[in-house]
Amino acid sequence: MSTTQIDGVSVNTQANVYFDGKCVSHGITFPDGTKKSVGVVLPATLTFNTGAPEIMECVAGGCEYKLKGSDEWLKSGPGEKFSIPGNSSFEVRVTEAYHYICHFG
């Protein structure tokens, strides 16, 4: 099941805008200091780099993703997650808006 609401957090009201507006997110911080971002990727094929490990959770729409070093495109839809190692990268192919929560590890 997809996460539909996140309570008790602080939200950075200035958006992070990447790839000429193809990806827009807002940072959120939990009371314990945990940070995540919530956002949307519009139709495109994009490559994201990671510093820390990440878990991408699809809350609406969907994407196909390919982890660095793999030739296989996998699908992620509402309620599904995929993990990316730290200091790595992944590609996403989006044909309909992909709404996500990025959990930083």
N, C-alpha and C. Protein backbone atom coordinates (compact mmCIF):
# COMPACT_ATOMS: atom_id res chain seq x y z
N MET A 1 0.83 -1.18 0.00
CA MET A 1 0.00 0.00 0.00
C MET A 1 0.88 1.25 0.00
N SER A 2 0.47 2.24 -0.75
CA SER A 2 1.23 3.48 -0.85
C SER A 2 1.04 4.37 0.36
N THR A 3 2.08 5.09 0.70
CA THR A 3 1.99 6.11 1.74
C THR A 3 1.21 7.29 1.17
N THR A 4 0.13 7.70 1.84
CA THR A 4 -0.68 8.80 1.31
C THR A 4 -0.51 10.09 2.10
N GLN A 5 0.03 9.99 3.33
CA GLN A 5 0.18 11.17 4.17
C GLN A 5 1.33 10.94 5.13
N ILE A 6 2.10 12.00 5.40
CA ILE A 6 3.18 11.93 6.36
C ILE A 6 2.92 13.02 7.40
N ASP A 7 2.71 12.62 8.64
CA ASP A 7 2.39 13.57 9.70
C ASP A 7 3.63 13.93 10.53
N GLY A 8 3.56 15.07 11.21
CA GLY A 8 4.56 15.44 12.20
C GLY A 8 5.93 15.74 11.65
N VAL A 9 6.03 16.35 10.48
CA VAL A 9 7.32 16.64 9.87
C VAL A 9 7.46 18.13 9.60
N SER A 10 8.70 18.56 9.39
CA SER A 10 8.98 19.90 8.90
C SER A 10 9.21 19.79 7.40
N VAL A 11 8.68 20.76 6.64
CA VAL A 11 8.80 20.72 5.18
C VAL A 11 9.61 21.92 4.71
N ASN A 12 10.59 21.67 3.88
CA ASN A 12 11.33 22.74 3.23
C ASN A 12 10.43 23.27 2.11
N THR A 13 9.98 24.50 2.24
CA THR A 13 9.00 25.03 1.28
C THR A 13 9.61 25.39 -0.07
N GLN A 14 10.93 25.54 -0.14
CA GLN A 14 11.55 25.80 -1.43
C GLN A 14 11.79 24.47 -2.13
N ALA A 15 11.28 24.35 -3.33
CA ALA A 15 11.40 23.10 -4.08
C ALA A 15 12.83 22.90 -4.59
N ASN A 16 13.21 21.64 -4.69
CA ASN A 16 14.41 21.25 -5.41
C ASN A 16 13.97 20.94 -6.83
N VAL A 17 14.49 21.65 -7.81
CA VAL A 17 14.08 21.48 -9.20
C VAL A 17 15.29 20.97 -9.98
N TYR A 18 15.13 19.80 -10.59
CA TYR A 18 16.21 19.16 -11.33
C TYR A 18 15.79 18.92 -12.78
N PHE A 19 16.79 18.78 -13.64
CA PHE A 19 16.56 18.40 -15.04
C PHE A 19 15.54 19.33 -15.71
N ASP A 20 15.77 20.65 -15.59
CA ASP A 20 14.89 21.64 -16.23
C ASP A 20 13.42 21.44 -15.89
N GLY A 21 13.15 21.07 -14.64
CA GLY A 21 11.77 20.93 -14.18
C GLY A 21 11.17 19.56 -14.37
N LYS A 22 11.94 18.60 -14.87
CA LYS A 22 11.42 17.24 -15.05
C LYS A 22 11.30 16.49 -13.73
N CYS A 23 12.00 16.97 -12.69
CA CYS A 23 11.91 16.38 -11.34
C CYS A 23 11.84 17.53 -10.35
N VAL A 24 10.81 17.51 -9.51
CA VAL A 24 10.63 18.53 -8.48
C VAL A 24 10.34 17.82 -7.16
N SER A 25 11.08 18.20 -6.10
CA SER A 25 10.85 17.57 -4.81
C SER A 25 10.95 18.59 -3.69
N HIS A 26 10.45 18.20 -2.52
CA HIS A 26 10.55 18.98 -1.30
C HIS A 26 11.17 18.10 -0.23
N GLY A 27 12.12 18.66 0.51
CA GLY A 27 12.75 17.93 1.60
C GLY A 27 11.86 17.98 2.83
N ILE A 28 11.80 16.87 3.55
CA ILE A 28 11.07 16.81 4.81
C ILE A 28 11.99 16.25 5.88
N THR A 29 11.80 16.74 7.10
CA THR A 29 12.62 16.30 8.23
C THR A 29 11.69 15.84 9.36
N PHE A 30 11.95 14.64 9.85
CA PHE A 30 11.17 14.08 10.96
C PHE A 30 11.72 14.59 12.28
N PRO A 31 10.92 14.51 13.36
CA PRO A 31 11.38 14.99 14.68
C PRO A 31 12.70 14.36 15.12
N ASP A 32 12.99 13.12 14.70
CA ASP A 32 14.24 12.46 15.09
C ASP A 32 15.41 12.84 14.20
N GLY A 33 15.19 13.74 13.23
CA GLY A 33 16.26 14.19 12.34
C GLY A 33 16.33 13.44 11.03
N THR A 34 15.56 12.35 10.88
CA THR A 34 15.53 11.60 9.63
C THR A 34 15.05 12.51 8.50
N LYS A 35 15.73 12.40 7.34
CA LYS A 35 15.36 13.23 6.20
C LYS A 35 14.87 12.35 5.05
N LYS A 36 13.86 12.85 4.36
CA LYS A 36 13.32 12.21 3.16
C LYS A 36 12.98 13.32 2.19
N SER A 37 12.63 12.96 0.97
CA SER A 37 12.08 13.95 0.05
C SER A 37 10.85 13.35 -0.61
N VAL A 38 9.93 14.22 -0.95
CA VAL A 38 8.74 13.81 -1.68
C VAL A 38 8.70 14.63 -2.96
N GLY A 39 8.36 13.98 -4.06
CA GLY A 39 8.38 14.71 -5.31
C GLY A 39 7.72 13.97 -6.44
N VAL A 40 7.94 14.51 -7.63
CA VAL A 40 7.37 13.95 -8.85
C VAL A 40 8.39 14.07 -9.97
N VAL A 41 8.45 13.01 -10.79
CA VAL A 41 9.24 13.03 -12.02
C VAL A 41 8.25 13.02 -13.16
N LEU A 42 8.38 13.98 -14.06
CA LEU A 42 7.52 14.05 -15.24
C LEU A 42 8.11 13.19 -16.35
N PRO A 43 7.32 12.88 -17.39
CA PRO A 43 7.81 11.99 -18.44
C PRO A 43 9.19 12.39 -18.98
N ALA A 44 10.13 11.46 -18.85
CA ALA A 44 11.52 11.66 -19.28
C ALA A 44 12.30 10.40 -18.96
N THR A 45 13.53 10.34 -19.43
CA THR A 45 14.51 9.34 -19.01
C THR A 45 15.65 10.11 -18.38
N LEU A 46 15.90 9.87 -17.09
CA LEU A 46 16.85 10.65 -16.32
C LEU A 46 17.81 9.75 -15.55
N THR A 47 19.00 10.26 -15.26
CA THR A 47 19.97 9.55 -14.45
C THR A 47 20.20 10.32 -13.16
N PHE A 48 20.03 9.64 -12.02
CA PHE A 48 20.23 10.22 -10.70
C PHE A 48 21.46 9.60 -10.06
N ASN A 49 22.26 10.41 -9.39
CA ASN A 49 23.41 9.93 -8.63
C ASN A 49 23.04 9.91 -7.16
N THR A 50 23.59 8.95 -6.43
CA THR A 50 23.33 8.87 -4.98
C THR A 50 24.61 9.12 -4.21
N GLY A 51 24.45 9.75 -3.05
CA GLY A 51 25.53 9.85 -2.08
C GLY A 51 25.30 8.76 -1.05
N ALA A 52 24.25 8.95 -0.25
CA ALA A 52 23.83 7.93 0.71
C ALA A 52 22.95 6.90 0.00
N PRO A 53 22.79 5.71 0.57
CA PRO A 53 21.83 4.76 0.02
C PRO A 53 20.43 5.37 0.03
N GLU A 54 19.62 4.99 -0.94
CA GLU A 54 18.26 5.52 -1.05
C GLU A 54 17.28 4.38 -1.29
N ILE A 55 16.06 4.60 -0.84
CA ILE A 55 14.94 3.74 -1.19
C ILE A 55 13.90 4.63 -1.85
N MET A 56 13.51 4.29 -3.05
CA MET A 56 12.50 5.04 -3.78
C MET A 56 11.17 4.31 -3.63
N GLU A 57 10.18 5.00 -3.07
CA GLU A 57 8.84 4.45 -2.87
C GLU A 57 7.88 5.15 -3.83
N CYS A 58 7.19 4.37 -4.66
CA CYS A 58 6.21 4.93 -5.59
C CYS A 58 4.88 5.11 -4.87
N VAL A 59 4.35 6.33 -4.91
CA VAL A 59 3.05 6.58 -4.29
C VAL A 59 1.94 6.77 -5.33
N ALA A 60 2.30 7.08 -6.56
CA ALA A 60 1.33 7.18 -7.66
C ALA A 60 2.08 7.16 -8.98
N GLY A 61 1.39 6.77 -10.03
CA GLY A 61 2.04 6.68 -11.34
C GLY A 61 2.95 5.47 -11.37
N GLY A 62 4.11 5.64 -11.95
CA GLY A 62 5.05 4.54 -12.01
C GLY A 62 6.26 4.90 -12.83
N CYS A 63 7.24 4.01 -12.81
CA CYS A 63 8.46 4.22 -13.59
C CYS A 63 9.07 2.87 -13.90
N GLU A 64 10.03 2.90 -14.80
CA GLU A 64 10.95 1.79 -14.98
C GLU A 64 12.30 2.31 -14.51
N TYR A 65 13.09 1.46 -13.88
CA TYR A 65 14.39 1.89 -13.37
C TYR A 65 15.45 0.85 -13.71
N LYS A 66 16.68 1.35 -13.80
CA LYS A 66 17.83 0.49 -14.08
C LYS A 66 18.96 0.95 -13.17
N LEU A 67 19.45 0.04 -12.33
CA LEU A 67 20.54 0.35 -11.43
C LEU A 67 21.87 0.36 -12.17
N LYS A 68 22.82 1.15 -11.67
CA LYS A 68 24.15 1.20 -12.26
C LYS A 68 24.74 -0.20 -12.35
N GLY A 69 25.31 -0.52 -13.50
CA GLY A 69 25.92 -1.82 -13.69
C GLY A 69 24.97 -2.90 -14.18
N SER A 70 23.67 -2.56 -14.31
CA SER A 70 22.67 -3.52 -14.78
C SER A 70 22.20 -3.11 -16.17
N ASP A 71 21.78 -4.09 -16.95
CA ASP A 71 21.18 -3.81 -18.25
C ASP A 71 19.67 -4.02 -18.21
N GLU A 72 19.14 -4.38 -17.03
CA GLU A 72 17.74 -4.76 -16.91
C GLU A 72 16.89 -3.61 -16.37
N TRP A 73 15.84 -3.26 -17.14
CA TRP A 73 14.86 -2.27 -16.70
C TRP A 73 13.78 -3.00 -15.90
N LEU A 74 13.49 -2.50 -14.70
CA LEU A 74 12.47 -3.09 -13.83
C LEU A 74 11.37 -2.05 -13.60
N LYS A 75 10.16 -2.52 -13.33
CA LYS A 75 9.04 -1.62 -13.11
C LYS A 75 8.80 -1.39 -11.63
N SER A 76 8.34 -0.17 -11.31
CA SER A 76 7.94 0.17 -9.96
C SER A 76 6.63 0.94 -10.04
N GLY A 77 5.61 0.44 -9.34
CA GLY A 77 4.29 1.07 -9.34
C GLY A 77 3.86 1.42 -7.94
N PRO A 78 2.65 1.95 -7.79
CA PRO A 78 2.16 2.38 -6.48
C PRO A 78 2.32 1.29 -5.41
N GLY A 79 2.90 1.69 -4.28
CA GLY A 79 3.11 0.76 -3.17
C GLY A 79 4.40 -0.03 -3.27
N GLU A 80 5.13 0.10 -4.38
CA GLU A 80 6.37 -0.64 -4.56
C GLU A 80 7.57 0.25 -4.27
N LYS A 81 8.69 -0.38 -3.88
CA LYS A 81 9.92 0.33 -3.55
C LYS A 81 11.09 -0.34 -4.25
N PHE A 82 12.15 0.44 -4.47
CA PHE A 82 13.41 -0.15 -4.91
C PHE A 82 14.55 0.58 -4.22
N SER A 83 15.65 -0.14 -4.02
CA SER A 83 16.80 0.37 -3.27
C SER A 83 17.97 0.64 -4.20
N ILE A 84 18.70 1.71 -3.88
CA ILE A 84 19.89 2.09 -4.63
C ILE A 84 21.03 2.23 -3.63
N PRO A 85 22.19 1.63 -3.90
CA PRO A 85 23.32 1.75 -2.99
C PRO A 85 23.84 3.20 -2.95
N GLY A 86 24.60 3.51 -1.90
CA GLY A 86 25.26 4.81 -1.82
C GLY A 86 26.37 4.92 -2.85
N ASN A 87 26.70 6.14 -3.21
CA ASN A 87 27.77 6.42 -4.18
C ASN A 87 27.58 5.62 -5.46
N SER A 88 26.37 5.66 -5.98
CA SER A 88 26.02 4.92 -7.18
C SER A 88 25.13 5.80 -8.05
N SER A 89 24.37 5.17 -8.93
CA SER A 89 23.43 5.91 -9.77
C SER A 89 22.35 4.96 -10.25
N PHE A 90 21.27 5.56 -10.77
CA PHE A 90 20.21 4.78 -11.38
C PHE A 90 19.53 5.64 -12.43
N GLU A 91 18.96 4.96 -13.41
CA GLU A 91 18.20 5.65 -14.44
C GLU A 91 16.72 5.37 -14.21
N VAL A 92 15.88 6.35 -14.51
CA VAL A 92 14.44 6.14 -14.49
C VAL A 92 13.87 6.53 -15.84
N ARG A 93 12.91 5.74 -16.30
CA ARG A 93 12.11 6.05 -17.49
C ARG A 93 10.69 6.25 -17.01
N VAL A 94 10.14 7.41 -17.30
CA VAL A 94 8.81 7.76 -16.83
C VAL A 94 7.96 8.13 -18.03
N THR A 95 6.78 7.50 -18.14
CA THR A 95 5.86 7.83 -19.23
C THR A 95 4.62 8.53 -18.71
N GLU A 96 4.33 8.38 -17.41
CA GLU A 96 3.27 9.14 -16.74
C GLU A 96 3.90 9.65 -15.45
N ALA A 97 3.39 10.72 -14.90
CA ALA A 97 4.01 11.31 -13.70
C ALA A 97 4.26 10.24 -12.64
N TYR A 98 5.48 10.20 -12.13
CA TYR A 98 5.92 9.26 -11.10
C TYR A 98 6.05 10.04 -9.79
N HIS A 99 5.12 9.80 -8.86
CA HIS A 99 5.12 10.46 -7.56
C HIS A 99 5.86 9.54 -6.59
N TYR A 100 6.80 10.11 -5.84
CA TYR A 100 7.65 9.26 -5.01
C TYR A 100 7.96 9.87 -3.65
N ILE A 101 8.41 8.99 -2.75
CA ILE A 101 9.06 9.39 -1.51
C ILE A 101 10.46 8.78 -1.60
N CYS A 102 11.47 9.60 -1.39
CA CYS A 102 12.84 9.10 -1.36
C CYS A 102 13.27 9.02 0.10
N HIS A 103 13.57 7.79 0.55
CA HIS A 103 14.03 7.53 1.91
C HIS A 103 15.55 7.46 1.86
N PHE A 104 16.23 8.34 2.59
CA PHE A 104 17.69 8.34 2.60
C PHE A 104 18.18 7.43 3.71
N GLY A 105 19.20 6.60 3.40
CA GLY A 105 19.66 5.62 4.37
C GLY A 105 20.90 5.97 5.05
